Amino acid sequence: MNEATVVAASPLLFLHPRRRRVGAFEGIGGRRFEPLPLAFVELIHFCCEPKPISAAIAAGHSHQLIREALQAGILQDVNADAFHNASRWERCRWSRAAYLTFSQQDLPYLEPHDDEPSLATLTGFRREQIARQLATEAYPVRRLVPCENPIALPAVAEDVPLDLDSLVARRCVRSFAGDPIPLEVLASILVESTRLLRAAEHSKVDGDPVSLLNSYFAWLQIYIVVQGVDQITRGVYQYDPLGNHLRWVGPARSDDEIAVCVHGQTWIRGGGFCLFAAAQWDRYMWVYRHARAYLNLLVQVGEFGQEVLLPACRLGLGAWMTPAIYESAAARLLALEPLAEDAVFFLKIGPPKPSGKPGP
């Protein structure tokens, strides 16, 4: 081991904090470490930037530890081809893609899969696993904002045939008219977009533990900021998809206050409403019990966005959506419970501004 060699933590080293320990996956050699000893964690932290081995030794890291880290691939020679090639993900700003591609590869598979077990065997196994979880930790209830007089929304159909014409013709809209939208339109969008959530929740009422695995949108909390809806006061509301009503959260004084939550995207002005999809973390984490489960959440966020867009476009409205949320500003506007919920997706739904019509 040449002490003049410059080393750094592997560019494809992924640390995964667990509840009581830290695991790691190294993508160049494809090795998994669980748990990762604290001495390795300290060495990785020291070598986040390239350092000669002599500097690591001078900082108190032993020869043996450094040698083991090099053999394991946790540390890499920065002049080696493997390090250069693996660094391409970061140089090209593909870090998120690298995380998605490599970090999932070391997840142990919980269910039996070697001998192609029958559906009955898998269902029994799943039921036992969920029963064990319930014995130590109850399934979290959906959080509702305290509200003395929720606003009942009109009863509307939730199963509406897909309108292919509106689906094909839809476009992103960055300019909205100031006209309010009818209350029935707001109700239709919210009811149609949450039908799968209700189906998942209703499947749990018989008490069968395995039904808790039907987790589609189990995490979802819907907050809307009314900008222009007939019969509804401007402000922030939580939507209860099971009761089909709005619960008052607080005022929204200006469109600029909303725009701060999406890093100044001021085209959210105009009539209609803004929808924040928030995650209630304890409900999500109860089912998805590994540190990288947020990737599944991001997939479901996109699916929910699609569920909102379909009725909005069918009803002649325009939409703009973005995951670029300023989390702390959104938490203040929506009065989210600290550490319990976070806004993860944003949609503006409203009447498109006709060409040449002055804005609000």
Protein backbone atom coordinates (compact mmCIF):
# COMPACT_ATOMS: atom_id res chain seq x y z
CA MET A 1 0.00 0.00 0.00
CA ASN A 2 1.66 3.18 -1.25
CA GLU A 3 0.96 6.00 1.20
CA ALA A 4 1.30 8.57 -1.60
CA THR A 5 -1.68 7.08 -3.45
CA VAL A 6 -4.62 9.48 -3.56
CA VAL A 7 -7.90 7.82 -2.61
CA ALA A 8 -11.52 8.83 -2.20
CA ALA A 9 -14.79 7.22 -1.22
CA SER A 10 -16.23 5.20 -4.09
CA PRO A 11 -18.46 7.38 -6.33
CA LEU A 12 -21.02 4.58 -6.26
CA LEU A 13 -21.06 4.05 -2.51
CA PHE A 14 -24.56 4.38 -1.08
CA LEU A 15 -25.16 4.58 2.66
CA HIS A 16 -28.58 3.59 3.92
CA PRO A 17 -29.40 4.56 7.52
CA ARG A 18 -31.72 2.07 9.19
CA ARG A 19 -33.52 2.37 12.48
CA ARG A 20 -30.57 1.11 14.52
CA ARG A 21 -27.72 0.58 12.10
CA VAL A 22 -26.22 1.69 8.81
CA GLY A 23 -25.93 -0.47 5.73
CA ALA A 24 -24.07 0.30 2.51
CA PHE A 25 -23.87 -0.83 -1.10
CA GLU A 26 -20.80 -0.29 -3.30
CA GLY A 27 -21.74 -0.26 -6.99
CA ILE A 28 -18.35 -0.82 -8.64
CA GLY A 29 -17.73 -4.17 -6.99
CA GLY A 30 -21.38 -4.91 -6.17
CA ARG A 31 -20.77 -5.59 -2.48
CA ARG A 32 -23.19 -5.06 0.39
CA PHE A 33 -22.22 -4.14 3.97
CA GLU A 34 -24.73 -4.43 6.80
CA PRO A 35 -24.08 -3.08 9.28
CA LEU A 36 -21.20 -0.80 8.32
CA PRO A 37 -18.76 -0.39 11.22
CA LEU A 38 -18.40 3.12 12.60
CA ALA A 39 -14.68 3.18 11.79
CA PHE A 40 -15.51 2.75 8.10
CA VAL A 41 -18.12 5.51 8.27
CA GLU A 42 -15.55 7.90 9.77
CA LEU A 43 -13.01 6.95 7.09
CA ILE A 44 -15.57 7.50 4.33
CA HIS A 45 -16.42 10.90 5.75
CA PHE A 46 -12.74 11.84 5.84
CA CYS A 47 -12.26 10.73 2.23
CA CYS A 48 -15.31 12.37 0.67
CA GLU A 49 -12.74 14.59 -1.01
CA PRO A 50 -9.60 12.92 -2.49
CA LYS A 51 -6.80 12.52 0.06
CA PRO A 52 -3.42 10.76 0.02
CA ILE A 53 -3.33 7.66 2.18
CA SER A 54 -0.68 9.36 4.31
CA ALA A 55 -3.22 12.05 5.27
CA ALA A 56 -5.73 9.42 6.37
CA ILE A 57 -3.06 7.76 8.50
CA ALA A 58 -2.06 11.11 10.01
CA ALA A 59 -5.71 11.70 10.88
CA GLY A 60 -5.74 8.53 12.98
CA HIS A 61 -7.09 5.92 10.57
CA SER A 62 -5.11 2.69 10.83
CA HIS A 63 -3.17 1.00 8.04
CA GLN A 64 -5.32 -2.11 8.45
CA LEU A 65 -8.60 -0.19 8.18
CA ILE A 66 -7.47 1.62 5.03
CA ARG A 67 -6.26 -1.65 3.48
CA GLU A 68 -9.60 -3.34 4.20
CA ALA A 69 -11.50 -0.35 2.80
CA LEU A 70 -9.48 -0.50 -0.43
CA GLN A 71 -10.01 -4.26 -0.74
CA ALA A 72 -13.74 -3.86 -0.18
CA GLY A 73 -14.00 -1.05 -2.73
CA ILE A 74 -15.21 1.46 -0.16
CA LEU A 75 -12.11 3.53 -0.98
CA GLN A 76 -10.91 3.83 -4.58
CA ASP A 77 -7.69 5.00 -6.20
CA VAL A 78 -8.78 8.24 -7.89
CA ASN A 79 -6.38 7.61 -10.79
CA ALA A 80 -7.84 4.19 -11.58
CA ASP A 81 -10.11 3.67 -14.59
CA ALA A 82 -12.87 2.24 -12.39
CA PHE A 83 -13.01 5.42 -10.33
CA HIS A 84 -13.02 7.63 -13.42
CA ASN A 85 -15.82 5.65 -15.09
CA ALA A 86 -17.96 5.52 -11.95
CA SER A 87 -17.52 9.27 -11.43
CA ARG A 88 -19.21 9.95 -14.77
CA TRP A 89 -22.63 9.74 -13.11
CA GLU A 90 -21.73 12.62 -10.83
CA ARG A 91 -19.83 14.65 -13.43
CA CYS A 92 -22.84 14.54 -15.73
CA ARG A 93 -25.19 15.37 -12.83
CA TRP A 94 -26.85 11.97 -13.00
CA SER A 95 -26.60 11.38 -9.25
CA ARG A 96 -30.32 10.76 -8.84
CA ALA A 97 -30.31 8.33 -11.77
CA ALA A 98 -27.30 6.54 -10.25
CA TYR A 99 -29.09 6.28 -6.92
CA LEU A 100 -32.14 4.81 -8.61
CA THR A 101 -30.08 2.40 -10.71
CA PHE A 102 -27.61 1.10 -8.16
CA SER A 103 -28.94 1.62 -4.65
CA GLN A 104 -31.86 -0.80 -5.03
CA GLN A 105 -29.70 -3.78 -5.95
CA ASP A 106 -28.90 -4.95 -2.44
CA LEU A 107 -32.40 -5.06 -0.95
CA PRO A 108 -33.06 -8.49 0.54
CA TYR A 109 -36.27 -10.12 -0.66
CA LEU A 110 -38.46 -10.93 2.30
CA GLU A 111 -40.91 -13.37 0.73
CA PRO A 112 -40.02 -16.98 -0.18
CA HIS A 113 -39.25 -17.12 -3.89
CA ASP A 114 -36.89 -20.03 -4.56
CA ASP A 115 -39.50 -22.76 -5.15
CA GLU A 116 -42.30 -20.74 -6.77
CA PRO A 117 -44.65 -20.89 -3.77
CA SER A 118 -48.39 -20.96 -4.37
CA LEU A 119 -50.56 -17.89 -3.96
CA ALA A 120 -52.05 -19.38 -0.80
CA THR A 121 -48.56 -19.85 0.65
CA LEU A 122 -47.57 -16.26 -0.18
CA THR A 123 -50.81 -14.88 1.24
CA GLY A 124 -50.31 -16.83 4.46
CA PHE A 125 -46.74 -15.60 4.74
CA ARG A 126 -47.81 -12.00 4.20
CA ARG A 127 -50.62 -12.29 6.72
CA GLU A 128 -48.17 -13.57 9.35
CA GLN A 129 -45.69 -10.76 8.64
CA ILE A 130 -48.34 -8.05 8.97
CA ALA A 131 -49.73 -9.66 12.12
CA ARG A 132 -46.26 -9.46 13.68
CA GLN A 133 -46.03 -5.78 12.81
CA LEU A 134 -49.46 -5.11 14.27
CA ALA A 135 -48.41 -6.82 17.49
CA THR A 136 -45.70 -4.23 18.04
CA GLU A 137 -47.02 -1.12 16.29
CA ALA A 138 -50.60 -0.21 15.34
CA TYR A 139 -51.37 0.87 11.80
CA PRO A 140 -51.46 4.71 11.86
CA VAL A 141 -54.77 6.47 11.37
CA ARG A 142 -55.20 9.09 8.68
CA ARG A 143 -54.54 12.55 10.11
CA LEU A 144 -57.39 15.03 9.75
CA VAL A 145 -57.09 18.74 10.49
CA PRO A 146 -59.36 19.68 13.43
CA CYS A 147 -62.42 21.42 11.99
CA GLU A 148 -65.80 22.07 13.59
CA ASN A 149 -67.78 22.65 10.41
CA PRO A 150 -66.33 20.84 7.36
CA ILE A 151 -67.68 21.95 3.99
CA ALA A 152 -69.60 19.14 2.31
CA LEU A 153 -68.88 18.98 -1.43
CA PRO A 154 -71.57 18.05 -3.97
CA ALA A 155 -72.10 14.35 -4.62
CA VAL A 156 -70.69 13.56 -8.05
CA ALA A 157 -69.92 10.40 -10.00
CA GLU A 158 -66.49 8.91 -9.40
CA ASP A 159 -66.36 6.43 -12.29
CA VAL A 160 -66.40 8.52 -15.47
CA PRO A 161 -65.39 7.03 -18.85
CA LEU A 162 -61.99 8.12 -20.11
CA ASP A 163 -62.22 10.96 -22.61
CA LEU A 164 -59.48 10.18 -25.12
CA ASP A 165 -59.96 13.44 -27.02
CA SER A 166 -59.20 15.59 -23.98
CA LEU A 167 -56.33 13.28 -23.04
CA VAL A 168 -54.64 13.69 -26.42
CA ALA A 169 -55.34 17.42 -26.66
CA ARG A 170 -54.08 18.39 -23.22
CA ARG A 171 -51.14 20.75 -22.88
CA CYS A 172 -49.28 22.30 -19.97
CA VAL A 173 -50.66 25.74 -19.13
CA ARG A 174 -48.59 28.58 -17.70
CA SER A 175 -51.22 31.30 -17.90
CA PHE A 176 -54.58 31.11 -16.17
CA ALA A 177 -57.64 33.33 -16.40
CA GLY A 178 -58.99 34.96 -13.26
CA ASP A 179 -62.48 33.47 -13.63
CA PRO A 180 -63.68 31.20 -10.82
CA ILE A 181 -64.58 27.59 -11.53
CA PRO A 182 -67.89 25.98 -10.47
CA LEU A 183 -67.97 24.12 -7.17
CA GLU A 184 -69.19 20.97 -8.95
CA VAL A 185 -66.05 21.02 -11.10
CA LEU A 186 -63.80 21.13 -8.03
CA ALA A 187 -65.78 18.26 -6.51
CA SER A 188 -65.54 16.16 -9.68
CA ILE A 189 -61.76 16.54 -9.89
CA LEU A 190 -61.23 15.64 -6.24
CA VAL A 191 -63.67 12.72 -6.20
CA GLU A 192 -62.54 11.16 -9.48
CA SER A 193 -58.84 11.46 -8.65
CA THR A 194 -59.21 9.74 -5.26
CA ARG A 195 -61.35 6.73 -6.17
CA LEU A 196 -58.39 4.34 -5.88
CA LEU A 197 -57.58 5.72 -2.43
CA ARG A 198 -61.12 4.97 -1.26
CA ALA A 199 -60.99 1.48 -2.74
CA ALA A 200 -57.77 0.77 -0.85
CA GLU A 201 -59.18 2.12 2.43
CA HIS A 202 -62.46 0.23 2.08
CA SER A 203 -60.56 -3.02 1.54
CA LYS A 204 -59.23 -2.72 5.10
CA VAL A 205 -62.58 -2.63 6.89
CA ASP A 206 -62.92 -6.41 7.29
CA GLY A 207 -59.89 -6.49 9.61
CA ASP A 208 -57.81 -9.00 7.61
CA PRO A 209 -54.18 -7.99 8.29
CA VAL A 210 -53.11 -8.78 4.73
CA SER A 211 -55.41 -6.02 3.45
CA LEU A 212 -52.99 -3.46 4.92
CA LEU A 213 -50.65 -4.31 2.05
CA ASN A 214 -53.19 -2.66 -0.23
CA SER A 215 -51.29 0.57 0.30
CA TYR A 216 -52.22 2.53 -2.83
CA PHE A 217 -52.15 6.23 -1.81
CA ALA A 218 -52.33 5.19 1.87
CA TRP A 219 -49.83 7.98 2.56
CA LEU A 220 -51.67 10.68 0.62
CA GLN A 221 -52.89 13.87 2.25
CA ILE A 222 -54.53 16.40 -0.07
CA TYR A 223 -54.37 20.11 0.62
CA ILE A 224 -55.90 22.65 -1.74
CA VAL A 225 -55.49 26.41 -1.87
CA VAL A 226 -58.69 27.88 -3.26
CA GLN A 227 -58.00 30.90 -5.47
CA GLY A 228 -61.30 31.12 -7.33
CA VAL A 229 -64.05 28.56 -6.75
CA ASP A 230 -67.74 29.48 -6.62
CA GLN A 231 -69.26 29.32 -3.11
CA ILE A 232 -65.90 28.59 -1.41
CA THR A 233 -63.94 31.20 0.54
CA ARG A 234 -60.39 31.76 -0.65
CA GLY A 235 -57.98 29.92 1.65
CA VAL A 236 -56.23 26.67 2.50
CA TYR A 237 -58.21 23.46 3.04
CA GLN A 238 -57.56 19.80 3.64
CA TYR A 239 -59.65 17.49 1.48
CA ASP A 240 -61.05 14.38 3.17
CA PRO A 241 -61.55 11.84 0.35
CA LEU A 242 -63.53 9.44 2.56
CA GLY A 243 -66.07 12.02 3.71
CA ASN A 244 -65.89 14.19 0.54
CA HIS A 245 -65.56 17.44 2.39
CA LEU A 246 -63.12 20.31 2.89
CA ARG A 247 -61.63 21.16 6.27
CA TRP A 248 -60.50 24.74 6.87
CA VAL A 249 -56.76 25.16 7.53
CA GLY A 250 -56.17 28.89 7.22
CA PRO A 251 -56.06 31.91 4.91
CA ALA A 252 -54.00 32.34 1.75
CA ARG A 253 -53.52 36.06 1.51
CA SER A 254 -52.07 36.32 -2.00
CA ASP A 255 -50.97 34.32 -5.00
CA ASP A 256 -47.42 35.46 -4.29
CA GLU A 257 -47.58 33.59 -0.98
CA ILE A 258 -48.46 30.43 -2.90
CA ALA A 259 -45.76 31.05 -5.52
CA VAL A 260 -43.08 31.12 -2.81
CA CYS A 261 -43.92 27.46 -2.12
CA VAL A 262 -42.90 26.53 -5.68
CA HIS A 263 -39.79 28.72 -5.84
CA GLY A 264 -41.45 31.75 -7.41
CA GLN A 265 -43.35 30.12 -10.27
CA THR A 266 -45.75 33.05 -10.59
CA TRP A 267 -47.88 31.59 -13.39
CA ILE A 268 -49.92 29.84 -10.70
CA ARG A 269 -51.95 33.07 -10.44
CA GLY A 270 -55.58 33.04 -11.58
CA GLY A 271 -58.83 31.26 -10.84
CA GLY A 272 -59.27 27.65 -9.80
CA PHE A 273 -57.08 26.11 -7.14
CA CYS A 274 -53.64 24.79 -6.25
CA LEU A 275 -53.32 21.22 -5.00
CA PHE A 276 -50.51 20.02 -2.75
CA ALA A 277 -50.03 16.27 -2.45
CA ALA A 278 -48.47 15.65 0.98
CA ALA A 279 -47.06 12.49 2.48
CA GLN A 280 -48.13 11.31 5.92
CA TRP A 281 -44.90 9.54 6.68
CA ASP A 282 -45.97 7.16 9.44
CA ARG A 283 -48.64 5.55 7.23
CA TYR A 284 -46.19 5.16 4.37
CA MET A 285 -43.32 3.88 6.50
CA TRP A 286 -45.51 1.35 8.29
CA VAL A 287 -45.70 -0.70 5.09
CA TYR A 288 -42.48 0.31 3.31
CA ARG A 289 -39.84 -0.43 5.90
CA HIS A 290 -36.57 0.35 4.18
CA ALA A 291 -34.61 3.56 3.81
CA ARG A 292 -35.07 3.84 0.04
CA ALA A 293 -38.84 3.49 -0.02
CA TYR A 294 -39.26 7.11 -1.09
CA LEU A 295 -38.57 5.95 -4.66
CA ASN A 296 -41.84 4.03 -4.59
CA LEU A 297 -43.49 7.15 -3.22
CA LEU A 298 -42.22 9.23 -6.16
CA VAL A 299 -43.77 6.74 -8.58
CA GLN A 300 -47.11 6.97 -6.78
CA VAL A 301 -46.91 10.78 -6.75
CA GLY A 302 -46.72 10.75 -10.55
CA GLU A 303 -49.62 8.32 -10.75
CA PHE A 304 -51.74 10.55 -8.53
CA GLY A 305 -50.87 13.57 -10.66
CA GLN A 306 -52.21 11.68 -13.67
CA GLU A 307 -55.41 10.90 -11.78
CA VAL A 308 -55.92 14.64 -11.17
CA LEU A 309 -55.11 15.68 -14.74
CA LEU A 310 -57.61 13.36 -16.43
CA PRO A 311 -60.81 14.91 -14.98
CA ALA A 312 -59.33 18.42 -15.03
CA CYS A 313 -58.65 18.24 -18.77
CA ARG A 314 -61.98 16.53 -19.49
CA LEU A 315 -63.72 19.44 -17.79
CA GLY A 316 -61.90 22.00 -19.92
CA LEU A 317 -59.38 23.25 -17.37
CA GLY A 318 -55.64 23.72 -17.74
CA ALA A 319 -52.96 22.40 -15.43
CA TRP A 320 -49.36 22.93 -14.41
CA MET A 321 -47.55 20.54 -12.11
CA THR A 322 -44.13 20.44 -10.49
CA PRO A 323 -42.22 18.57 -7.76
CA ALA A 324 -40.10 21.71 -7.15
CA ILE A 325 -41.58 22.53 -3.76
CA TYR A 326 -39.97 24.79 -1.17
CA GLU A 327 -40.77 22.40 1.66
CA SER A 328 -40.52 24.76 4.62
CA ALA A 329 -42.65 27.46 2.94
CA ALA A 330 -45.27 24.89 1.96
CA ALA A 331 -45.30 23.50 5.49
CA ARG A 332 -46.02 26.97 6.86
CA LEU A 333 -48.77 27.69 4.34
CA LEU A 334 -50.48 24.31 4.85
CA ALA A 335 -49.84 24.19 8.63
CA LEU A 336 -48.30 20.74 8.31
CA GLU A 337 -47.38 18.85 11.44
CA PRO A 338 -43.56 18.95 11.80
CA LEU A 339 -41.82 15.64 11.04
CA ALA A 340 -45.19 13.99 10.32
CA GLU A 341 -46.05 15.37 6.87
CA ASP A 342 -44.30 16.97 3.90
CA ALA A 343 -45.63 18.39 0.65
CA VAL A 344 -44.13 16.37 -2.21
CA PHE A 345 -46.02 17.46 -5.35
CA PHE A 346 -47.88 20.52 -6.62
CA LEU A 347 -50.58 21.03 -9.25
CA LYS A 348 -52.24 24.24 -10.37
CA ILE A 349 -55.69 23.65 -11.89
CA GLY A 350 -57.66 26.50 -13.44
CA PRO A 351 -59.22 28.00 -16.56
CA PRO A 352 -56.62 28.62 -19.29
CA LYS A 353 -56.22 32.25 -20.28
CA PRO A 354 -57.43 32.83 -23.86
CA SER A 355 -54.79 34.25 -26.16
CA GLY A 356 -54.62 38.03 -25.89
CA LYS A 357 -56.81 38.25 -22.80
CA PRO A 358 -55.22 40.36 -20.06
CA GLY A 359 -54.26 38.43 -16.95
CA PRO A 360 -55.67 38.87 -13.47
